[in-house]
Amino acid sequence: MGELASWIRDNHLKQDEAAQILHISRPRVSDVVNKKVGKFTIDALVNMLT
């Protein structure tokens, strides 16, 4: 989750942009950025990283 949040920050992506790239909703991007770990399965995080 930290890697995803860093990638979003380092690439200066808006949450809407990150959501489109990761194929998730903008609220889910917010959960990633705010590191709400309990809202994600390991599979979901791995899918976003790939």
Protein backbone atom coordinates (compact mmCIF):
# COMPACT_ATOMS: atom_id res chain seq x y z
CA MET A 1 0.00 0.00 0.00
CA GLY A 2 2.88 2.32 0.75
CA GLU A 3 4.35 1.67 -2.70
CA LEU A 4 1.05 2.54 -4.36
CA ALA A 5 0.67 5.73 -2.34
CA SER A 6 4.27 6.71 -3.15
CA TRP A 7 3.73 5.99 -6.86
CA ILE A 8 0.64 8.24 -6.90
CA ARG A 9 2.51 11.01 -5.09
CA ASP A 10 5.76 10.69 -7.06
CA ASN A 11 3.91 10.86 -10.39
CA HIS A 12 1.86 13.85 -9.23
CA LEU A 13 -1.36 12.04 -10.09
CA LYS A 14 -4.76 13.31 -9.11
CA GLN A 15 -6.98 10.70 -7.52
CA ASP A 16 -9.19 10.57 -10.62
CA GLU A 17 -6.15 9.91 -12.82
CA ALA A 18 -4.83 7.20 -10.52
CA ALA A 19 -8.27 5.58 -10.40
CA GLN A 20 -8.38 5.32 -14.20
CA ILE A 21 -4.88 3.84 -14.39
CA LEU A 22 -5.50 1.35 -11.56
CA HIS A 23 -9.04 0.48 -12.73
CA ILE A 24 -10.57 1.30 -9.36
CA SER A 25 -12.92 4.00 -8.11
CA ARG A 26 -11.69 7.37 -6.85
CA PRO A 27 -12.84 6.59 -3.27
CA ARG A 28 -10.68 3.44 -3.39
CA VAL A 29 -7.68 5.59 -4.39
CA SER A 30 -8.41 7.77 -1.39
CA ASP A 31 -8.34 4.67 0.81
CA VAL A 32 -4.95 3.73 -0.66
CA VAL A 33 -3.51 7.23 -0.16
CA ASN A 34 -4.80 7.29 3.42
CA LYS A 35 -3.44 3.75 3.96
CA LYS A 36 -6.72 2.22 5.11
CA VAL A 37 -5.29 -1.30 5.01
CA GLY A 38 -8.39 -3.02 6.39
CA LYS A 39 -10.39 -2.10 3.30
CA PHE A 40 -8.24 -4.17 0.92
CA THR A 41 -7.38 -7.80 0.39
CA ILE A 42 -3.86 -8.82 -0.48
CA ASP A 43 -5.14 -9.87 -3.90
CA ALA A 44 -6.60 -6.42 -4.58
CA LEU A 45 -3.33 -4.71 -3.65
CA VAL A 46 -1.26 -7.10 -5.77
CA ASN A 47 -3.57 -6.51 -8.74
CA MET A 48 -3.09 -2.76 -8.42
CA LEU A 49 0.68 -3.18 -8.26
CA THR A 50 0.74 -5.18 -11.47
